[in-house]
Amino acid sequence: MNGRDFGTQLRKGVVEGCVLAVVEREPTHGWELARVLQEHGLIGSVGTLYPVLTRLEKAGELASREVTAESGRRRRYYEITPAGRASLAQFTYQWQAFVGNVTAVLKESQ
């Protein structure tokens, strides 16, 4: 192997779908979302997440609201929209087909 990092390119292609999947479960604030994605090795740092959240919001797939905790700390919570649910369903379908195709090619080459 020549040292190429295929993982970086793979992560870039799936982060938006994974964000939608996490937020579909329940409204989630950015730090918690980053923790989940980092735990699964899908992002390197919190800073890489916020441009993704902005893109998803601009696309109408996420909505956000600010909540002030009793401590006075403000957090932005993200919720999936109907358009986001549709995109997540499409991502899930395409991902499953993609994984199946890649697996088949890899098996054939062994």
C-alpha atoms as a PDB file:
ATOM      1  CA  MET A   1       0.000   0.000   0.000  1.00  0.00           C
ATOM      2  CA  ASN A   2       1.308   3.457  -0.795  1.00  0.00           C
ATOM      3  CA  GLY A   3       0.175   5.137   2.422  1.00  0.00           C
ATOM      4  CA  ARG A   4      -2.946   6.768   0.955  1.00  0.00           C
ATOM      5  CA  ASP A   5      -5.630   7.580   3.484  1.00  0.00           C
ATOM      6  CA  PHE A   6      -8.850   6.261   1.943  1.00  0.00           C
ATOM      7  CA  GLY A   7     -10.624   6.793   5.277  1.00  0.00           C
ATOM      8  CA  THR A   8     -10.626  10.582   4.945  1.00  0.00           C
ATOM      9  CA  GLN A   9     -12.433  10.474   1.614  1.00  0.00           C
ATOM     10  CA  LEU A  10     -14.874   7.839   2.841  1.00  0.00           C
ATOM     11  CA  ARG A  11     -15.718   9.898   5.940  1.00  0.00           C
ATOM     12  CA  LYS A  12     -16.328  13.030   3.867  1.00  0.00           C
ATOM     13  CA  GLY A  13     -18.904  11.132   1.851  1.00  0.00           C
ATOM     14  CA  VAL A  14     -20.921   9.866   4.789  1.00  0.00           C
ATOM     15  CA  VAL A  15     -20.800  12.515   7.502  1.00  0.00           C
ATOM     16  CA  GLU A  16     -23.942  14.360   6.383  1.00  0.00           C
ATOM     17  CA  GLY A  17     -25.983  11.149   6.311  1.00  0.00           C
ATOM     18  CA  CYS A  18     -24.668  10.142   9.714  1.00  0.00           C
ATOM     19  CA  VAL A  19     -25.515  13.571  11.172  1.00  0.00           C
ATOM     20  CA  LEU A  20     -29.083  13.169   9.927  1.00  0.00           C
ATOM     21  CA  ALA A  21     -29.248   9.661  11.437  1.00  0.00           C
ATOM     22  CA  VAL A  22     -28.094  10.834  14.877  1.00  0.00           C
ATOM     23  CA  VAL A  23     -30.383  13.868  14.925  1.00  0.00           C
ATOM     24  CA  GLU A  24     -33.348  11.789  13.760  1.00  0.00           C
ATOM     25  CA  ARG A  25     -33.283   9.925  17.078  1.00  0.00           C
ATOM     26  CA  GLU A  26     -33.704  13.128  19.071  1.00  0.00           C
ATOM     27  CA  PRO A  27     -32.822  16.837  18.890  1.00  0.00           C
ATOM     28  CA  THR A  28     -29.123  17.085  19.631  1.00  0.00           C
ATOM     29  CA  HIS A  29     -26.745  19.947  20.413  1.00  0.00           C
ATOM     30  CA  GLY A  30     -23.519  20.338  18.481  1.00  0.00           C
ATOM     31  CA  TRP A  31     -21.115  19.135  21.157  1.00  0.00           C
ATOM     32  CA  GLU A  32     -23.091  15.942  21.773  1.00  0.00           C
ATOM     33  CA  LEU A  33     -23.353  15.329  18.053  1.00  0.00           C
ATOM     34  CA  ALA A  34     -19.593  15.818  17.694  1.00  0.00           C
ATOM     35  CA  ARG A  35     -18.965  13.397  20.574  1.00  0.00           C
ATOM     36  CA  VAL A  36     -21.048  10.662  18.921  1.00  0.00           C
ATOM     37  CA  LEU A  37     -19.397  11.151  15.530  1.00  0.00           C
ATOM     38  CA  GLN A  38     -15.897  11.256  17.040  1.00  0.00           C
ATOM     39  CA  GLU A  39     -16.640   8.123  19.065  1.00  0.00           C
ATOM     40  CA  HIS A  40     -17.348   6.327  15.792  1.00  0.00           C
ATOM     41  CA  GLY A  41     -14.326   7.810  14.026  1.00  0.00           C
ATOM     42  CA  LEU A  42     -16.407   9.842  11.574  1.00  0.00           C
ATOM     43  CA  ILE A  43     -14.958  13.293  12.333  1.00  0.00           C
ATOM     44  CA  GLY A  44     -11.614  14.399  13.657  1.00  0.00           C
ATOM     45  CA  SER A  45     -12.622  17.548  15.489  1.00  0.00           C
ATOM     46  CA  VAL A  46     -15.647  19.585  16.488  1.00  0.00           C
ATOM     47  CA  GLY A  47     -14.580  22.276  14.028  1.00  0.00           C
ATOM     48  CA  THR A  48     -15.224  19.981  11.068  1.00  0.00           C
ATOM     49  CA  LEU A  49     -18.825  19.438  12.162  1.00  0.00           C
ATOM     50  CA  TYR A  50     -20.148  22.997  12.088  1.00  0.00           C
ATOM     51  CA  PRO A  51     -19.790  23.558   8.327  1.00  0.00           C
ATOM     52  CA  VAL A  52     -21.739  20.325   7.829  1.00  0.00           C
ATOM     53  CA  LEU A  53     -24.505  21.530  10.163  1.00  0.00           C
ATOM     54  CA  THR A  54     -24.633  24.855   8.308  1.00  0.00           C
ATOM     55  CA  ARG A  55     -24.942  23.083   4.926  1.00  0.00           C
ATOM     56  CA  LEU A  56     -27.718  20.826   6.207  1.00  0.00           C
ATOM     57  CA  GLU A  57     -29.587  23.807   7.660  1.00  0.00           C
ATOM     58  CA  LYS A  58     -29.280  25.806   4.438  1.00  0.00           C
ATOM     59  CA  ALA A  59     -30.558  22.771   2.517  1.00  0.00           C
ATOM     60  CA  GLY A  60     -33.613  22.671   4.811  1.00  0.00           C
ATOM     61  CA  GLU A  61     -32.709  19.232   6.163  1.00  0.00           C
ATOM     62  CA  LEU A  62     -32.030  20.438   9.706  1.00  0.00           C
ATOM     63  CA  ALA A  63     -33.629  23.148  11.811  1.00  0.00           C
ATOM     64  CA  SER A  64     -32.020  24.612  14.899  1.00  0.00           C
ATOM     65  CA  ARG A  65     -33.164  26.403  18.015  1.00  0.00           C
ATOM     66  CA  GLU A  66     -31.306  27.954  20.900  1.00  0.00           C
ATOM     67  CA  VAL A  67     -32.035  26.734  24.397  1.00  0.00           C
ATOM     68  CA  THR A  68     -30.806  28.412  27.565  1.00  0.00           C
ATOM     69  CA  ALA A  69     -30.057  26.028  30.417  1.00  0.00           C
ATOM     70  CA  GLU A  70     -30.652  26.903  34.075  1.00  0.00           C
ATOM     71  CA  SER A  71     -26.929  27.647  34.317  1.00  0.00           C
ATOM     72  CA  GLY A  72     -27.406  30.373  31.710  1.00  0.00           C
ATOM     73  CA  ARG A  73     -25.411  28.505  29.078  1.00  0.00           C
ATOM     74  CA  ARG A  74     -26.968  28.650  25.626  1.00  0.00           C
ATOM     75  CA  ARG A  75     -26.904  25.660  23.323  1.00  0.00           C
ATOM     76  CA  ARG A  76     -28.107  25.246  19.779  1.00  0.00           C
ATOM     77  CA  TYR A  77     -30.153  22.092  19.276  1.00  0.00           C
ATOM     78  CA  TYR A  78     -30.577  20.574  15.834  1.00  0.00           C
ATOM     79  CA  GLU A  79     -33.701  18.753  14.685  1.00  0.00           C
ATOM     80  CA  ILE A  80     -34.331  16.838  11.500  1.00  0.00           C
ATOM     81  CA  THR A  81     -36.959  18.234   9.120  1.00  0.00           C
ATOM     82  CA  PRO A  82     -39.235  16.313   6.745  1.00  0.00           C
ATOM     83  CA  ALA A  83     -36.750  17.099   3.954  1.00  0.00           C
ATOM     84  CA  GLY A  84     -33.984  15.724   6.171  1.00  0.00           C
ATOM     85  CA  ARG A  85     -35.943  12.518   6.765  1.00  0.00           C
ATOM     86  CA  ALA A  86     -36.356  12.087   3.016  1.00  0.00           C
ATOM     87  CA  SER A  87     -32.627  12.673   2.479  1.00  0.00           C
ATOM     88  CA  LEU A  88     -31.774  10.212   5.238  1.00  0.00           C
ATOM     89  CA  ALA A  89     -33.977   7.545   3.643  1.00  0.00           C
ATOM     90  CA  GLN A  90     -32.285   8.140   0.287  1.00  0.00           C
ATOM     91  CA  PHE A  91     -28.807   8.087   1.887  1.00  0.00           C
ATOM     92  CA  THR A  92     -29.606   4.829   3.714  1.00  0.00           C
ATOM     93  CA  TYR A  93     -30.843   3.145   0.541  1.00  0.00           C
ATOM     94  CA  GLN A  94     -27.877   4.314  -1.516  1.00  0.00           C
ATOM     95  CA  TRP A  95     -25.377   3.459   1.233  1.00  0.00           C
ATOM     96  CA  GLN A  96     -26.650  -0.099   1.535  1.00  0.00           C
ATOM     97  CA  ALA A  97     -26.428  -0.590  -2.229  1.00  0.00           C
ATOM     98  CA  PHE A  98     -22.942   0.971  -2.311  1.00  0.00           C
ATOM     99  CA  VAL A  99     -21.613  -1.216   0.501  1.00  0.00           C
ATOM    100  CA  GLY A 100     -23.035  -4.303  -1.183  1.00  0.00           C
ATOM    101  CA  ASN A 101     -21.392  -3.395  -4.485  1.00  0.00           C
ATOM    102  CA  VAL A 102     -18.009  -2.627  -2.930  1.00  0.00           C
ATOM    103  CA  THR A 103     -18.125  -5.853  -0.920  1.00  0.00           C
ATOM    104  CA  ALA A 104     -18.901  -7.834  -4.072  1.00  0.00           C
ATOM    105  CA  VAL A 105     -15.993  -6.278  -5.971  1.00  0.00           C
ATOM    106  CA  LEU A 106     -13.584  -6.888  -3.109  1.00  0.00           C
ATOM    107  CA  LYS A 107     -14.664 -10.529  -2.808  1.00  0.00           C
ATOM    108  CA  GLU A 108     -14.248 -11.058  -6.557  1.00  0.00           C
ATOM    109  CA  SER A 109     -10.714  -9.701  -6.467  1.00  0.00           C
ATOM    110  CA  GLN A 110      -9.552 -12.094  -3.738  1.00  0.00           C
END
